[in-house]
């Protein structure tokens, strides 16, 4: 239960704990990690992002187990790491960007 006390929005830093419906994920080949909820065609990604984040939540990740998860999709070419919020930055992968926490 302690892991969920500090999370006030989705897509936060796992170091501070994730929300009860999230897991901490790290994408192979991408530095950093982030908290994320599951999603599907009928279950949309939550839009409560951390303060200052302008990146858009999308159901963009597929787990090897077959599940799908949300990610904050950003623009790695914009050089604007503010789009990902405090302590996070936009990492390029497959032509798009994903916000991850670097700590």
N, C-alpha and C. Protein backbone atom coordinates (compact mmCIF):
# COMPACT_ATOMS: atom_id res chain seq x y z
N UNK A 1 0.83 -1.19 0.00
CA UNK A 1 0.00 0.00 0.00
C UNK A 1 0.87 1.26 0.00
N UNK A 2 2.02 1.22 0.64
CA UNK A 2 2.89 2.39 0.72
C UNK A 2 3.32 2.88 -0.66
N UNK A 3 3.42 1.97 -1.64
CA UNK A 3 3.84 2.37 -2.98
C UNK A 3 2.85 3.32 -3.64
N UNK A 4 1.62 3.33 -3.18
CA UNK A 4 0.59 4.13 -3.83
C UNK A 4 0.34 5.46 -3.14
N UNK A 5 0.96 5.70 -2.00
CA UNK A 5 0.66 6.90 -1.23
C UNK A 5 1.13 8.18 -1.90
N UNK A 6 2.24 8.15 -2.60
CA UNK A 6 2.81 9.36 -3.17
C UNK A 6 2.32 9.68 -4.56
N UNK A 7 1.73 8.73 -5.25
CA UNK A 7 1.28 8.95 -6.62
C UNK A 7 0.00 9.77 -6.61
N UNK A 8 0.03 10.93 -7.28
CA UNK A 8 -1.15 11.79 -7.33
C UNK A 8 -1.73 11.83 -8.74
N UNK A 9 -0.96 11.41 -9.74
CA UNK A 9 -1.45 11.33 -11.11
C UNK A 9 -0.88 10.07 -11.74
N UNK A 10 -1.40 9.72 -12.90
CA UNK A 10 -0.82 8.62 -13.67
C UNK A 10 0.47 9.09 -14.34
N UNK A 11 1.26 8.14 -14.83
CA UNK A 11 2.50 8.39 -15.59
C UNK A 11 3.60 9.04 -14.75
N UNK A 12 3.61 8.79 -13.46
CA UNK A 12 4.62 9.39 -12.59
C UNK A 12 5.91 8.60 -12.55
N UNK A 13 6.81 9.06 -11.70
CA UNK A 13 8.12 8.46 -11.49
C UNK A 13 7.97 7.27 -10.55
N UNK A 14 8.36 6.07 -10.98
CA UNK A 14 8.25 4.90 -10.09
C UNK A 14 8.99 5.07 -8.77
N UNK A 15 9.99 5.92 -8.76
CA UNK A 15 10.75 6.18 -7.53
C UNK A 15 9.83 6.71 -6.43
N UNK A 16 8.78 7.44 -6.83
CA UNK A 16 7.85 8.01 -5.87
C UNK A 16 6.63 7.12 -5.66
N UNK A 17 6.56 6.00 -6.39
CA UNK A 17 5.42 5.10 -6.29
C UNK A 17 4.44 5.32 -7.41
N UNK A 18 3.79 4.25 -7.83
CA UNK A 18 2.80 4.31 -8.90
C UNK A 18 1.39 4.26 -8.32
N UNK A 19 0.39 4.64 -9.11
CA UNK A 19 -0.99 4.52 -8.67
C UNK A 19 -1.39 3.04 -8.62
N UNK A 20 -2.50 2.74 -7.95
CA UNK A 20 -2.90 1.35 -7.73
C UNK A 20 -3.19 0.58 -9.01
N UNK A 21 -3.55 1.28 -10.10
CA UNK A 21 -3.86 0.60 -11.36
C UNK A 21 -2.69 0.65 -12.35
N UNK A 22 -1.50 1.01 -11.85
CA UNK A 22 -0.32 1.13 -12.72
C UNK A 22 0.77 0.13 -12.36
N UNK A 23 1.67 -0.07 -13.31
CA UNK A 23 2.90 -0.82 -13.06
C UNK A 23 4.06 0.05 -13.51
N UNK A 24 5.23 -0.20 -12.95
CA UNK A 24 6.44 0.49 -13.38
C UNK A 24 7.00 -0.27 -14.58
N UNK A 25 7.28 0.43 -15.67
CA UNK A 25 7.81 -0.23 -16.86
C UNK A 25 9.11 0.41 -17.31
N UNK A 26 9.92 -0.44 -17.93
CA UNK A 26 11.15 0.00 -18.58
C UNK A 26 11.12 -0.64 -19.96
N UNK A 27 11.34 0.17 -20.98
CA UNK A 27 11.27 -0.32 -22.36
C UNK A 27 12.65 -0.73 -22.82
N UNK A 28 12.74 -1.94 -23.39
CA UNK A 28 14.02 -2.45 -23.86
C UNK A 28 14.65 -1.47 -24.85
N UNK A 29 15.90 -1.10 -24.59
CA UNK A 29 16.62 -0.20 -25.48
C UNK A 29 16.38 1.28 -25.21
N UNK A 30 15.56 1.59 -24.21
CA UNK A 30 15.27 2.98 -23.86
C UNK A 30 15.65 3.21 -22.40
N UNK A 31 16.45 4.27 -22.16
CA UNK A 31 16.88 4.57 -20.80
C UNK A 31 15.72 5.12 -19.98
N UNK A 32 15.65 4.75 -18.72
CA UNK A 32 14.65 5.29 -17.82
C UNK A 32 13.44 4.40 -17.66
N UNK A 33 12.51 4.83 -16.81
CA UNK A 33 11.29 4.07 -16.54
C UNK A 33 10.14 5.04 -16.25
N UNK A 34 8.94 4.50 -16.11
CA UNK A 34 7.77 5.31 -15.79
C UNK A 34 6.64 4.41 -15.34
N UNK A 35 5.66 5.00 -14.65
CA UNK A 35 4.47 4.28 -14.23
C UNK A 35 3.45 4.35 -15.36
N UNK A 36 2.72 3.26 -15.57
CA UNK A 36 1.71 3.27 -16.63
C UNK A 36 0.57 2.31 -16.33
N UNK A 37 -0.65 2.71 -16.70
CA UNK A 37 -1.80 1.80 -16.57
C UNK A 37 -1.99 0.98 -17.84
N UNK A 38 -2.72 -0.10 -17.71
CA UNK A 38 -3.08 -0.92 -18.87
C UNK A 38 -4.16 -0.20 -19.68
N UNK A 39 -4.27 -0.56 -20.96
CA UNK A 39 -5.28 0.04 -21.82
C UNK A 39 -5.72 -0.99 -22.85
N UNK A 40 -6.77 -0.65 -23.58
CA UNK A 40 -7.27 -1.53 -24.65
C UNK A 40 -8.13 -0.70 -25.58
N UNK A 41 -8.75 -1.34 -26.55
CA UNK A 41 -9.65 -0.61 -27.46
C UNK A 41 -10.80 0.03 -26.71
N UNK A 42 -11.25 -0.61 -25.63
CA UNK A 42 -12.38 -0.07 -24.87
C UNK A 42 -11.95 0.67 -23.60
N UNK A 43 -10.72 0.46 -23.16
CA UNK A 43 -10.23 1.14 -21.96
C UNK A 43 -9.19 2.18 -22.38
N UNK A 44 -9.61 3.43 -22.42
CA UNK A 44 -8.73 4.51 -22.86
C UNK A 44 -7.69 4.84 -21.79
N UNK A 45 -6.63 5.51 -22.21
CA UNK A 45 -5.58 5.93 -21.28
C UNK A 45 -6.07 7.11 -20.44
N UNK A 46 -5.79 7.09 -19.14
CA UNK A 46 -6.16 8.23 -18.29
C UNK A 46 -5.43 9.50 -18.76
N UNK A 47 -6.06 10.64 -18.56
CA UNK A 47 -5.47 11.90 -19.02
C UNK A 47 -4.91 12.74 -17.87
N UNK A 48 -4.92 12.21 -16.65
CA UNK A 48 -4.36 12.96 -15.51
C UNK A 48 -2.84 12.79 -15.48
N UNK A 49 -2.16 13.67 -16.18
CA UNK A 49 -0.70 13.62 -16.30
C UNK A 49 -0.06 14.47 -15.20
N UNK A 50 1.23 14.22 -14.89
CA UNK A 50 1.91 15.05 -13.90
C UNK A 50 1.92 16.52 -14.32
N UNK A 51 2.03 17.40 -13.34
CA UNK A 51 2.01 18.85 -13.58
C UNK A 51 3.05 19.26 -14.62
N UNK A 52 2.63 20.07 -15.57
CA UNK A 52 3.54 20.60 -16.58
C UNK A 52 3.73 19.73 -17.81
N UNK A 53 3.22 18.51 -17.78
CA UNK A 53 3.41 17.59 -18.91
C UNK A 53 2.48 17.99 -20.05
N UNK A 54 3.05 18.10 -21.26
CA UNK A 54 2.23 18.39 -22.44
C UNK A 54 2.19 17.20 -23.40
N UNK A 55 3.01 16.17 -23.15
CA UNK A 55 2.99 14.96 -23.98
C UNK A 55 1.63 14.27 -23.83
N UNK A 56 1.20 13.60 -24.89
CA UNK A 56 -0.14 13.00 -24.91
C UNK A 56 -0.13 11.53 -24.53
N UNK A 57 -1.01 11.11 -23.59
CA UNK A 57 -1.13 9.69 -23.27
C UNK A 57 -1.75 8.92 -24.44
N UNK A 58 -1.11 7.83 -24.84
CA UNK A 58 -1.63 6.98 -25.91
C UNK A 58 -1.45 5.52 -25.54
N UNK A 59 -2.34 4.68 -26.04
CA UNK A 59 -2.25 3.23 -25.83
C UNK A 59 -1.26 2.69 -26.85
N UNK A 60 0.02 2.83 -26.54
CA UNK A 60 1.06 2.62 -27.55
C UNK A 60 2.03 1.47 -27.26
N UNK A 61 1.97 0.89 -26.08
CA UNK A 61 2.95 -0.15 -25.73
C UNK A 61 2.30 -1.53 -25.74
N UNK A 62 3.02 -2.49 -26.29
CA UNK A 62 2.57 -3.88 -26.26
C UNK A 62 3.56 -4.70 -25.46
N UNK A 63 3.07 -5.38 -24.44
CA UNK A 63 3.93 -6.21 -23.61
C UNK A 63 4.13 -7.57 -24.26
N UNK A 64 5.23 -8.22 -23.94
CA UNK A 64 5.49 -9.56 -24.49
C UNK A 64 4.41 -10.54 -24.04
N UNK A 65 3.75 -10.24 -22.92
CA UNK A 65 2.68 -11.10 -22.41
C UNK A 65 1.37 -10.90 -23.17
N UNK A 66 1.33 -9.89 -24.06
CA UNK A 66 0.14 -9.65 -24.85
C UNK A 66 -0.68 -8.46 -24.41
N UNK A 67 -0.42 -7.93 -23.21
CA UNK A 67 -1.17 -6.78 -22.73
C UNK A 67 -0.74 -5.49 -23.42
N UNK A 68 -1.59 -4.48 -23.35
CA UNK A 68 -1.25 -3.17 -23.90
C UNK A 68 -1.22 -2.15 -22.76
N UNK A 69 -0.32 -1.17 -22.90
CA UNK A 69 -0.14 -0.16 -21.86
C UNK A 69 -0.03 1.23 -22.47
N UNK A 70 -0.36 2.20 -21.65
CA UNK A 70 -0.28 3.60 -22.07
C UNK A 70 1.16 4.09 -22.00
N UNK A 71 1.43 5.15 -22.74
CA UNK A 71 2.73 5.84 -22.66
C UNK A 71 2.49 7.30 -23.00
N UNK A 72 3.35 8.16 -22.47
CA UNK A 72 3.29 9.57 -22.83
C UNK A 72 4.11 9.74 -24.10
N UNK A 73 3.44 10.03 -25.20
CA UNK A 73 4.10 10.16 -26.50
C UNK A 73 4.51 11.62 -26.70
N UNK A 74 5.79 11.80 -27.01
CA UNK A 74 6.35 13.13 -27.15
C UNK A 74 7.07 13.25 -28.49
N UNK A 75 7.63 14.42 -28.75
CA UNK A 75 8.33 14.67 -30.00
C UNK A 75 9.83 14.80 -29.72
N UNK A 76 10.62 13.76 -30.01
CA UNK A 76 12.05 13.81 -29.69
C UNK A 76 12.80 14.85 -30.50
N UNK A 77 12.26 15.27 -31.62
CA UNK A 77 12.97 16.24 -32.46
C UNK A 77 12.76 17.67 -31.99
N UNK A 78 11.83 17.91 -31.07
CA UNK A 78 11.54 19.28 -30.66
C UNK A 78 12.56 19.83 -29.68
N UNK A 79 13.37 18.98 -29.09
CA UNK A 79 14.37 19.39 -28.08
C UNK A 79 13.72 20.07 -26.88
N UNK A 80 12.44 19.78 -26.66
CA UNK A 80 11.70 20.39 -25.55
C UNK A 80 11.39 19.33 -24.51
N UNK A 81 12.33 19.09 -23.59
CA UNK A 81 12.11 18.07 -22.58
C UNK A 81 11.05 18.48 -21.57
N UNK A 82 10.64 19.75 -21.59
CA UNK A 82 9.58 20.19 -20.69
C UNK A 82 8.27 19.46 -21.00
N UNK A 83 8.12 18.96 -22.23
CA UNK A 83 6.90 18.25 -22.60
C UNK A 83 6.69 17.00 -21.73
N UNK A 84 7.75 16.51 -21.12
CA UNK A 84 7.66 15.31 -20.29
C UNK A 84 7.57 15.61 -18.79
N UNK A 85 7.76 16.85 -18.39
CA UNK A 85 7.66 17.20 -16.99
C UNK A 85 8.98 17.09 -16.25
N UNK A 86 8.92 17.30 -14.94
CA UNK A 86 10.10 17.32 -14.08
C UNK A 86 10.79 15.96 -14.01
N UNK A 87 12.10 15.95 -14.14
CA UNK A 87 12.95 14.75 -14.04
C UNK A 87 12.73 13.73 -15.15
N UNK A 88 11.99 14.09 -16.19
CA UNK A 88 11.74 13.16 -17.30
C UNK A 88 12.20 13.81 -18.60
N UNK A 89 12.46 12.97 -19.59
CA UNK A 89 12.84 13.49 -20.90
C UNK A 89 12.29 12.58 -21.99
N UNK A 90 12.28 13.12 -23.20
CA UNK A 90 11.71 12.42 -24.35
C UNK A 90 12.78 11.56 -25.01
N UNK A 91 12.55 10.26 -25.06
CA UNK A 91 13.51 9.32 -25.67
C UNK A 91 12.95 8.84 -27.00
N UNK A 92 13.78 8.88 -28.04
CA UNK A 92 13.34 8.46 -29.37
C UNK A 92 13.28 6.94 -29.46
N UNK A 93 12.19 6.45 -30.06
CA UNK A 93 12.06 5.01 -30.32
C UNK A 93 11.06 4.83 -31.47
N UNK A 94 11.47 4.10 -32.47
CA UNK A 94 10.60 3.78 -33.62
C UNK A 94 9.93 4.99 -34.24
N UNK A 95 10.66 6.09 -34.39
CA UNK A 95 10.13 7.26 -35.07
C UNK A 95 9.28 8.19 -34.22
N UNK A 96 9.02 7.81 -32.98
CA UNK A 96 8.28 8.68 -32.06
C UNK A 96 9.12 8.86 -30.80
N UNK A 97 8.56 9.48 -29.80
CA UNK A 97 9.25 9.64 -28.53
C UNK A 97 8.38 9.18 -27.38
N UNK A 98 9.02 8.71 -26.32
CA UNK A 98 8.32 8.28 -25.11
C UNK A 98 8.98 8.96 -23.93
N UNK A 99 8.17 9.52 -23.05
CA UNK A 99 8.69 10.17 -21.84
C UNK A 99 9.09 9.11 -20.81
N UNK A 100 10.32 9.19 -20.32
CA UNK A 100 10.75 8.32 -19.23
C UNK A 100 11.50 9.15 -18.19
N UNK A 101 11.54 8.64 -16.97
CA UNK A 101 12.26 9.30 -15.87
C UNK A 101 13.69 8.76 -15.84
N UNK A 102 14.63 9.69 -15.70
CA UNK A 102 16.05 9.33 -15.83
C UNK A 102 16.72 8.93 -14.52
N UNK A 103 16.08 9.13 -13.40
CA UNK A 103 16.76 8.88 -12.12
C UNK A 103 16.83 7.41 -11.76
